[in-house]
Amino acid sequence: MTERKTPNRNTSGRGQRDLRVRVKTAKGRKLSSTLWLDRQLNDPYVQRAKREGFRGRAAFKILELDDKFRFLVPGARVVDLGAAPGGWAQVAVGRINSNSAKKGKAVGRIIGVDLQEMDPLDGAEFHVLDFLDEGADGKVKEWLGGPADVVMSDMAASASGHKQTDHLRIMALVEAAAHFAFDVLDPGGTFVAKVLAGGAEADLLQLLKQNFEKTTHVKPPASRADSSEKFVVATGFKGGAPGP
């Protein structure tokens, strides 16, 4: 159950509304669940995603990353790993013009893959696929009509509740995504992926630096301040056989 605080007024005589939603502790609900609900209901990015029709707040992370690095350009061919529910793909569709909305601009293509089915999205093609399966890279290139310009991943391994274990799991997943990118990217391509800060990033960063012209570690504004997540943006794929 939720309630809204009543409006209050300051001494200047101008009305100010406090619209923060206060979440009451409900019987049978854990404190952690109450805190999560409170954060969701009062998160400006969650509210903005609803207003703007995005499938989740994560859409703003890729928006902010692309605003900075400009890798989603009209005509680009994009692979979205772990695409569900489709928020990143929504952003990509508009920017690469895969829905042909921008007349006179090159038309891109985006393939989203995930272990679960996703609701259709105009301008994107979704497939149920484990990118770790043998031959997955070949299937993706076939669907894409050639090599990719961008491989992006917002994937996270299932949480175990043990911080160190979760960190190692997501880093292993990101490294696997990077090797997938080596197989499907065109020279000059870009790899974008979520990581968790925690001390095991050195090997991944070294791998990316060996295979891309530039690798950057960044935390976009839409990433919650109390979260350990960051993103790696590797640009200028060198192509050829990947480094060790």
C-alpha atoms as a PDB file:
ATOM      1  CA  MET A   1       0.000   0.000   0.000  1.00  0.00           C
ATOM      2  CA  THR A   2       1.265   3.468  -0.812  1.00  0.00           C
ATOM      3  CA  GLU A   3       0.274   6.974   0.137  1.00  0.00           C
ATOM      4  CA  ARG A   4       1.253  10.443  -0.991  1.00  0.00           C
ATOM      5  CA  LYS A   5       2.308  13.148   1.421  1.00  0.00           C
ATOM      6  CA  THR A   6       0.003  16.126   1.529  1.00  0.00           C
ATOM      7  CA  PRO A   7       1.187  19.330  -0.178  1.00  0.00           C
ATOM      8  CA  ASN A   8       3.014  21.822   2.024  1.00  0.00           C
ATOM      9  CA  ARG A   9       3.823  25.476   1.580  1.00  0.00           C
ATOM     10  CA  ASN A  10       7.027  27.353   2.301  1.00  0.00           C
ATOM     11  CA  THR A  11       7.407  30.705   4.000  1.00  0.00           C
ATOM     12  CA  SER A  12       7.797  32.542   0.702  1.00  0.00           C
ATOM     13  CA  GLY A  13       4.125  31.988   0.000  1.00  0.00           C
ATOM     14  CA  ARG A  14       4.792  29.918  -3.167  1.00  0.00           C
ATOM     15  CA  GLY A  15       3.231  26.469  -3.130  1.00  0.00           C
ATOM     16  CA  GLN A  16       5.572  23.494  -3.347  1.00  0.00           C
ATOM     17  CA  ARG A  17       4.271  19.959  -3.701  1.00  0.00           C
ATOM     18  CA  ASP A  18       6.155  17.039  -2.193  1.00  0.00           C
ATOM     19  CA  LEU A  19       5.197  14.225  -4.551  1.00  0.00           C
ATOM     20  CA  ARG A  20       7.455  11.545  -3.116  1.00  0.00           C
ATOM     21  CA  VAL A  21       5.623   8.259  -2.711  1.00  0.00           C
ATOM     22  CA  ARG A  22       5.978   6.807   0.773  1.00  0.00           C
ATOM     23  CA  VAL A  23       5.819   3.008   0.812  1.00  0.00           C
ATOM     24  CA  LYS A  24       4.335   1.464   3.927  1.00  0.00           C
ATOM     25  CA  THR A  25       5.661  -1.813   5.227  1.00  0.00           C
ATOM     26  CA  ALA A  26       3.073  -4.477   4.460  1.00  0.00           C
ATOM     27  CA  LYS A  27       2.528  -7.676   6.391  1.00  0.00           C
ATOM     28  CA  GLY A  28       4.632 -10.445   4.889  1.00  0.00           C
ATOM     29  CA  ARG A  29       6.774  -8.081   2.816  1.00  0.00           C
ATOM     30  CA  LYS A  30      10.490  -8.108   3.552  1.00  0.00           C
ATOM     31  CA  LEU A  31      12.228  -4.840   4.346  1.00  0.00           C
ATOM     32  CA  SER A  32      14.453  -5.297   1.279  1.00  0.00           C
ATOM     33  CA  SER A  33      11.337  -5.571  -0.908  1.00  0.00           C
ATOM     34  CA  THR A  34       9.861  -2.442   0.632  1.00  0.00           C
ATOM     35  CA  LEU A  35      13.087  -0.516   0.022  1.00  0.00           C
ATOM     36  CA  TRP A  36      13.226  -1.735  -3.588  1.00  0.00           C
ATOM     37  CA  LEU A  37       9.609  -0.694  -4.177  1.00  0.00           C
ATOM     38  CA  ASP A  38      10.277   2.704  -2.620  1.00  0.00           C
ATOM     39  CA  ARG A  39      13.270   3.220  -4.899  1.00  0.00           C
ATOM     40  CA  GLN A  40      11.326   2.158  -8.002  1.00  0.00           C
ATOM     41  CA  LEU A  41       8.333   4.366  -7.299  1.00  0.00           C
ATOM     42  CA  ASN A  42      10.500   7.405  -6.643  1.00  0.00           C
ATOM     43  CA  ASP A  43      13.117   6.861  -9.341  1.00  0.00           C
ATOM     44  CA  PRO A  44      12.890   9.730 -11.881  1.00  0.00           C
ATOM     45  CA  TYR A  45      14.202   7.469 -14.654  1.00  0.00           C
ATOM     46  CA  VAL A  46      11.445   4.909 -13.982  1.00  0.00           C
ATOM     47  CA  GLN A  47       8.870   7.685 -14.160  1.00  0.00           C
ATOM     48  CA  ARG A  48      10.431   9.132 -17.307  1.00  0.00           C
ATOM     49  CA  ALA A  49      10.496   5.708 -18.982  1.00  0.00           C
ATOM     50  CA  LYS A  50       6.755   5.387 -18.406  1.00  0.00           C
ATOM     51  CA  ARG A  51       6.092   8.869 -19.789  1.00  0.00           C
ATOM     52  CA  GLU A  52       8.220   8.334 -22.892  1.00  0.00           C
ATOM     53  CA  GLY A  53       7.056   4.781 -23.587  1.00  0.00           C
ATOM     54  CA  PHE A  54      10.319   2.946 -23.004  1.00  0.00           C
ATOM     55  CA  ARG A  55      10.289  -0.647 -21.809  1.00  0.00           C
ATOM     56  CA  GLY A  56      12.468   0.156 -18.804  1.00  0.00           C
ATOM     57  CA  ARG A  57      14.791   2.711 -17.200  1.00  0.00           C
ATOM     58  CA  ALA A  58      17.788   0.922 -18.726  1.00  0.00           C
ATOM     59  CA  ALA A  59      16.949   2.633 -22.019  1.00  0.00           C
ATOM     60  CA  PHE A  60      18.436   5.851 -20.655  1.00  0.00           C
ATOM     61  CA  LYS A  61      21.776   4.167 -19.984  1.00  0.00           C
ATOM     62  CA  ILE A  62      22.317   3.350 -23.642  1.00  0.00           C
ATOM     63  CA  LEU A  63      20.919   6.759 -24.626  1.00  0.00           C
ATOM     64  CA  GLU A  64      23.498   8.494 -22.448  1.00  0.00           C
ATOM     65  CA  LEU A  65      26.325   6.234 -23.607  1.00  0.00           C
ATOM     66  CA  ASP A  66      25.470   6.855 -27.253  1.00  0.00           C
ATOM     67  CA  ASP A  67      25.164  10.590 -26.679  1.00  0.00           C
ATOM     68  CA  LYS A  68      28.781  10.480 -25.498  1.00  0.00           C
ATOM     69  CA  PHE A  69      30.339   7.961 -27.907  1.00  0.00           C
ATOM     70  CA  ARG A  70      28.061   8.135 -31.008  1.00  0.00           C
ATOM     71  CA  PHE A  71      28.120   4.487 -32.083  1.00  0.00           C
ATOM     72  CA  LEU A  72      24.404   4.124 -32.962  1.00  0.00           C
ATOM     73  CA  VAL A  73      24.341   5.878 -36.314  1.00  0.00           C
ATOM     74  CA  PRO A  74      21.889   5.581 -39.228  1.00  0.00           C
ATOM     75  CA  GLY A  75      22.622   2.448 -41.225  1.00  0.00           C
ATOM     76  CA  ALA A  76      24.470   0.616 -38.431  1.00  0.00           C
ATOM     77  CA  ARG A  77      24.027  -3.115 -37.944  1.00  0.00           C
ATOM     78  CA  VAL A  78      23.569  -3.880 -34.251  1.00  0.00           C
ATOM     79  CA  VAL A  79      23.455  -7.002 -32.074  1.00  0.00           C
ATOM     80  CA  ASP A  80      21.756  -6.684 -28.681  1.00  0.00           C
ATOM     81  CA  LEU A  81      22.739  -9.544 -26.352  1.00  0.00           C
ATOM     82  CA  GLY A  82      20.352 -10.343 -23.512  1.00  0.00           C
ATOM     83  CA  ALA A  83      17.910  -7.952 -25.151  1.00  0.00           C
ATOM     84  CA  ALA A  84      14.822  -8.544 -22.954  1.00  0.00           C
ATOM     85  CA  PRO A  85      12.672  -6.602 -22.347  1.00  0.00           C
ATOM     86  CA  GLY A  86      13.859  -4.522 -25.302  1.00  0.00           C
ATOM     87  CA  GLY A  87      14.649  -1.076 -23.882  1.00  0.00           C
ATOM     88  CA  TRP A  88      18.094  -0.862 -25.479  1.00  0.00           C
ATOM     89  CA  ALA A  89      16.685  -2.052 -28.797  1.00  0.00           C
ATOM     90  CA  GLN A  90      14.020   0.680 -28.633  1.00  0.00           C
ATOM     91  CA  VAL A  91      16.740   3.312 -28.437  1.00  0.00           C
ATOM     92  CA  ALA A  92      18.782   1.699 -31.194  1.00  0.00           C
ATOM     93  CA  VAL A  93      15.825   1.505 -33.602  1.00  0.00           C
ATOM     94  CA  GLY A  94      15.402   5.273 -33.629  1.00  0.00           C
ATOM     95  CA  ARG A  95      19.093   6.057 -33.857  1.00  0.00           C
ATOM     96  CA  ILE A  96      20.137   3.562 -36.532  1.00  0.00           C
ATOM     97  CA  ASN A  97      16.890   4.213 -38.442  1.00  0.00           C
ATOM     98  CA  SER A  98      15.989   0.528 -38.682  1.00  0.00           C
ATOM     99  CA  ASN A  99      12.301   1.495 -38.826  1.00  0.00           C
ATOM    100  CA  SER A 100      12.950   3.811 -41.816  1.00  0.00           C
ATOM    101  CA  ALA A 101      11.408   6.738 -39.921  1.00  0.00           C
ATOM    102  CA  LYS A 102      14.127   9.175 -41.027  1.00  0.00           C
ATOM    103  CA  LYS A 103      13.597   9.702 -44.730  1.00  0.00           C
ATOM    104  CA  GLY A 104      16.785  10.093 -46.710  1.00  0.00           C
ATOM    105  CA  LYS A 105      18.904   8.453 -43.992  1.00  0.00           C
ATOM    106  CA  ALA A 106      20.600   5.061 -44.223  1.00  0.00           C
ATOM    107  CA  VAL A 107      18.512   2.222 -42.785  1.00  0.00           C
ATOM    108  CA  GLY A 108      20.141   0.084 -40.107  1.00  0.00           C
ATOM    109  CA  ARG A 109      19.305  -3.335 -38.734  1.00  0.00           C
ATOM    110  CA  ILE A 110      19.142  -4.681 -35.195  1.00  0.00           C
ATOM    111  CA  ILE A 111      19.026  -8.276 -34.004  1.00  0.00           C
ATOM    112  CA  GLY A 112      18.144  -8.865 -30.347  1.00  0.00           C
ATOM    113  CA  VAL A 113      18.759 -12.255 -28.736  1.00  0.00           C
ATOM    114  CA  ASP A 114      17.743 -13.539 -25.337  1.00  0.00           C
ATOM    115  CA  LEU A 115      16.869 -16.767 -23.547  1.00  0.00           C
ATOM    116  CA  GLN A 116      13.255 -15.599 -23.274  1.00  0.00           C
ATOM    117  CA  GLU A 117      10.738 -14.372 -25.797  1.00  0.00           C
ATOM    118  CA  MET A 118      10.175 -10.639 -26.160  1.00  0.00           C
ATOM    119  CA  ASP A 119       7.238  -8.557 -27.311  1.00  0.00           C
ATOM    120  CA  PRO A 120       7.642  -7.486 -30.953  1.00  0.00           C
ATOM    121  CA  LEU A 121       9.191  -4.102 -31.686  1.00  0.00           C
ATOM    122  CA  ASP A 122       8.868  -2.283 -34.993  1.00  0.00           C
ATOM    123  CA  GLY A 123      12.309  -1.975 -36.545  1.00  0.00           C
ATOM    124  CA  ALA A 124      13.915  -4.766 -34.499  1.00  0.00           C
ATOM    125  CA  GLU A 125      14.141  -8.515 -34.963  1.00  0.00           C
ATOM    126  CA  PHE A 126      14.126 -10.633 -31.805  1.00  0.00           C
ATOM    127  CA  HIS A 127      15.229 -14.254 -31.505  1.00  0.00           C
ATOM    128  CA  VAL A 128      15.273 -16.744 -28.634  1.00  0.00           C
ATOM    129  CA  LEU A 129      18.907 -17.835 -28.621  1.00  0.00           C
ATOM    130  CA  ASP A 130      21.720 -18.602 -26.195  1.00  0.00           C
ATOM    131  CA  PHE A 131      24.654 -16.655 -27.616  1.00  0.00           C
ATOM    132  CA  LEU A 132      26.975 -19.186 -25.965  1.00  0.00           C
ATOM    133  CA  ASP A 133      25.652 -22.022 -28.156  1.00  0.00           C
ATOM    134  CA  GLU A 134      27.932 -23.373 -30.843  1.00  0.00           C
ATOM    135  CA  GLY A 135      27.187 -21.666 -34.131  1.00  0.00           C
ATOM    136  CA  ALA A 136      25.295 -18.757 -32.515  1.00  0.00           C
ATOM    137  CA  ASP A 137      27.645 -16.226 -34.092  1.00  0.00           C
ATOM    138  CA  GLY A 138      26.953 -17.627 -37.560  1.00  0.00           C
ATOM    139  CA  LYS A 139      23.198 -17.462 -37.029  1.00  0.00           C
ATOM    140  CA  VAL A 140      23.374 -13.859 -35.871  1.00  0.00           C
ATOM    141  CA  LYS A 141      25.464 -12.790 -38.869  1.00  0.00           C
ATOM    142  CA  GLU A 142      23.037 -14.575 -41.170  1.00  0.00           C
ATOM    143  CA  TRP A 143      20.057 -12.791 -39.584  1.00  0.00           C
ATOM    144  CA  LEU A 144      21.936  -9.509 -39.663  1.00  0.00           C
ATOM    145  CA  GLY A 145      22.952  -9.882 -43.295  1.00  0.00           C
ATOM    146  CA  GLY A 146      26.646  -9.585 -42.542  1.00  0.00           C
ATOM    147  CA  PRO A 147      29.014  -8.572 -39.737  1.00  0.00           C
ATOM    148  CA  ALA A 148      27.914  -6.160 -37.030  1.00  0.00           C
ATOM    149  CA  ASP A 149      28.974  -2.591 -36.439  1.00  0.00           C
ATOM    150  CA  VAL A 150      27.937  -2.711 -32.770  1.00  0.00           C
ATOM    151  CA  VAL A 151      27.569  -5.476 -30.194  1.00  0.00           C
ATOM    152  CA  MET A 152      25.943  -4.278 -26.988  1.00  0.00           C
ATOM    153  CA  SER A 153      25.070  -6.123 -23.800  1.00  0.00           C
ATOM    154  CA  ASP A 154      23.186  -5.165 -20.655  1.00  0.00           C
ATOM    155  CA  MET A 155      23.287  -8.754 -19.393  1.00  0.00           C
ATOM    156  CA  ALA A 156      23.738  -9.729 -15.768  1.00  0.00           C
ATOM    157  CA  ALA A 157      24.073 -13.206 -14.319  1.00  0.00           C
ATOM    158  CA  SER A 158      21.385 -14.379 -11.899  1.00  0.00           C
ATOM    159  CA  ALA A 159      22.116 -13.015  -8.432  1.00  0.00           C
ATOM    160  CA  SER A 160      23.258 -15.498  -5.780  1.00  0.00           C
ATOM    161  CA  GLY A 161      23.219 -13.021  -2.906  1.00  0.00           C
ATOM    162  CA  HIS A 162      26.973 -13.352  -2.496  1.00  0.00           C
ATOM    163  CA  LYS A 163      28.611 -10.166  -3.774  1.00  0.00           C
ATOM    164  CA  GLN A 164      31.957 -11.647  -4.793  1.00  0.00           C
ATOM    165  CA  THR A 165      30.355 -14.621  -6.541  1.00  0.00           C
ATOM    166  CA  ASP A 166      27.942 -12.368  -8.425  1.00  0.00           C
ATOM    167  CA  HIS A 167      30.825 -10.158  -9.518  1.00  0.00           C
ATOM    168  CA  LEU A 168      32.799 -13.095 -10.902  1.00  0.00           C
ATOM    169  CA  ARG A 169      29.730 -14.444 -12.707  1.00  0.00           C
ATOM    170  CA  ILE A 170      28.941 -11.214 -14.504  1.00  0.00           C
ATOM    171  CA  MET A 171      32.584 -10.684 -15.451  1.00  0.00           C
ATOM    172  CA  ALA A 172      32.688 -14.189 -16.962  1.00  0.00           C
ATOM    173  CA  LEU A 173      29.504 -13.370 -18.888  1.00  0.00           C
ATOM    174  CA  VAL A 174      30.940 -10.091 -20.181  1.00  0.00           C
ATOM    175  CA  GLU A 175      34.141 -11.812 -21.264  1.00  0.00           C
ATOM    176  CA  ALA A 176      32.074 -14.384 -23.163  1.00  0.00           C
ATOM    177  CA  ALA A 177      30.145 -11.523 -24.804  1.00  0.00           C
ATOM    178  CA  ALA A 178      33.437  -9.914 -25.802  1.00  0.00           C
ATOM    179  CA  HIS A 179      34.616 -13.108 -27.515  1.00  0.00           C
ATOM    180  CA  PHE A 180      31.245 -13.287 -29.286  1.00  0.00           C
ATOM    181  CA  ALA A 181      31.822  -9.709 -30.459  1.00  0.00           C
ATOM    182  CA  PHE A 182      35.237 -10.680 -31.849  1.00  0.00           C
ATOM    183  CA  ASP A 183      33.451 -13.241 -34.032  1.00  0.00           C
ATOM    184  CA  VAL A 184      30.709 -10.977 -35.402  1.00  0.00           C
ATOM    185  CA  LEU A 185      32.114  -7.422 -35.493  1.00  0.00           C
ATOM    186  CA  ASP A 186      33.380  -5.692 -38.594  1.00  0.00           C
ATOM    187  CA  PRO A 187      36.773  -3.956 -38.262  1.00  0.00           C
ATOM    188  CA  GLY A 188      36.184  -0.560 -36.690  1.00  0.00           C
ATOM    189  CA  GLY A 189      33.174  -1.848 -34.730  1.00  0.00           C
ATOM    190  CA  THR A 190      32.109  -1.079 -31.165  1.00  0.00           C
ATOM    191  CA  PHE A 191      31.477  -3.269 -28.116  1.00  0.00           C
ATOM    192  CA  VAL A 192      29.409  -1.942 -25.184  1.00  0.00           C
ATOM    193  CA  ALA A 193      28.742  -3.990 -22.053  1.00  0.00           C
ATOM    194  CA  LYS A 194      27.741  -3.731 -18.423  1.00  0.00           C
ATOM    195  CA  VAL A 195      30.264  -4.758 -15.781  1.00  0.00           C
ATOM    196  CA  LEU A 196      30.334  -4.662 -11.990  1.00  0.00           C
ATOM    197  CA  ALA A 197      33.090  -2.879 -10.119  1.00  0.00           C
ATOM    198  CA  GLY A 198      34.811  -5.250  -7.749  1.00  0.00           C
ATOM    199  CA  GLY A 199      38.400  -5.976  -8.688  1.00  0.00           C
ATOM    200  CA  ALA A 200      38.121  -8.562 -11.486  1.00  0.00           C
ATOM    201  CA  GLU A 201      37.921  -6.139 -14.400  1.00  0.00           C
ATOM    202  CA  ALA A 202      41.650  -6.003 -15.170  1.00  0.00           C
ATOM    203  CA  ASP A 203      41.716  -9.125 -17.356  1.00  0.00           C
ATOM    204  CA  LEU A 204      38.670  -7.989 -19.334  1.00  0.00           C
ATOM    205  CA  LEU A 205      40.053  -4.506 -19.895  1.00  0.00           C
ATOM    206  CA  GLN A 206      43.378  -5.948 -21.033  1.00  0.00           C
ATOM    207  CA  LEU A 207      41.552  -8.233 -23.475  1.00  0.00           C
ATOM    208  CA  LEU A 208      39.586  -5.316 -24.908  1.00  0.00           C
ATOM    209  CA  LYS A 209      42.629  -3.053 -25.156  1.00  0.00           C
ATOM    210  CA  GLN A 210      44.387  -5.729 -27.195  1.00  0.00           C
ATOM    211  CA  ASN A 211      41.508  -5.945 -29.669  1.00  0.00           C
ATOM    212  CA  PHE A 212      40.155  -2.378 -29.874  1.00  0.00           C
ATOM    213  CA  GLU A 213      41.759   0.957 -30.565  1.00  0.00           C
ATOM    214  CA  LYS A 214      40.237   2.554 -27.456  1.00  0.00           C
ATOM    215  CA  THR A 215      38.537   1.193 -24.332  1.00  0.00           C
ATOM    216  CA  THR A 216      36.706   3.379 -21.826  1.00  0.00           C
ATOM    217  CA  HIS A 217      35.202   2.592 -18.411  1.00  0.00           C
ATOM    218  CA  VAL A 218      32.185   4.823 -17.730  1.00  0.00           C
ATOM    219  CA  LYS A 219      29.194   5.177 -15.411  1.00  0.00           C
ATOM    220  CA  PRO A 220      26.304   6.978 -17.171  1.00  0.00           C
ATOM    221  CA  PRO A 221      24.059   9.279 -15.088  1.00  0.00           C
ATOM    222  CA  ALA A 222      21.118   6.848 -15.429  1.00  0.00           C
ATOM    223  CA  SER A 223      23.094   4.185 -13.583  1.00  0.00           C
ATOM    224  CA  ARG A 224      22.084   4.422  -9.919  1.00  0.00           C
ATOM    225  CA  ALA A 225      24.694   6.037  -7.712  1.00  0.00           C
ATOM    226  CA  ASP A 226      24.490   3.214  -5.159  1.00  0.00           C
ATOM    227  CA  SER A 227      24.991   0.544  -7.830  1.00  0.00           C
ATOM    228  CA  SER A 228      28.384  -1.001  -8.556  1.00  0.00           C
ATOM    229  CA  GLU A 229      27.558  -1.283 -12.255  1.00  0.00           C
ATOM    230  CA  LYS A 230      29.648   0.471 -14.858  1.00  0.00           C
ATOM    231  CA  PHE A 231      29.960   0.066 -18.610  1.00  0.00           C
ATOM    232  CA  VAL A 232      32.864  -0.611 -20.920  1.00  0.00           C
ATOM    233  CA  VAL A 233      32.801   1.033 -24.338  1.00  0.00           C
ATOM    234  CA  ALA A 234      35.413  -0.390 -26.701  1.00  0.00           C
ATOM    235  CA  THR A 235      35.692   1.324 -30.086  1.00  0.00           C
ATOM    236  CA  GLY A 236      37.725   0.659 -33.227  1.00  0.00           C
ATOM    237  CA  PHE A 237      37.736  -3.140 -33.378  1.00  0.00           C
ATOM    238  CA  LYS A 238      41.044  -4.217 -34.919  1.00  0.00           C
ATOM    239  CA  GLY A 239      39.636  -7.327 -36.576  1.00  0.00           C
ATOM    240  CA  GLY A 240      41.567 -10.446 -37.423  1.00  0.00           C
ATOM    241  CA  ALA A 241      42.372 -13.126 -34.842  1.00  0.00           C
ATOM    242  CA  PRO A 242      41.608 -11.862 -31.314  1.00  0.00           C
ATOM    243  CA  GLY A 243      44.450 -11.186 -28.945  1.00  0.00           C
ATOM    244  CA  PRO A 244      45.115 -13.544 -26.015  1.00  0.00           C
END
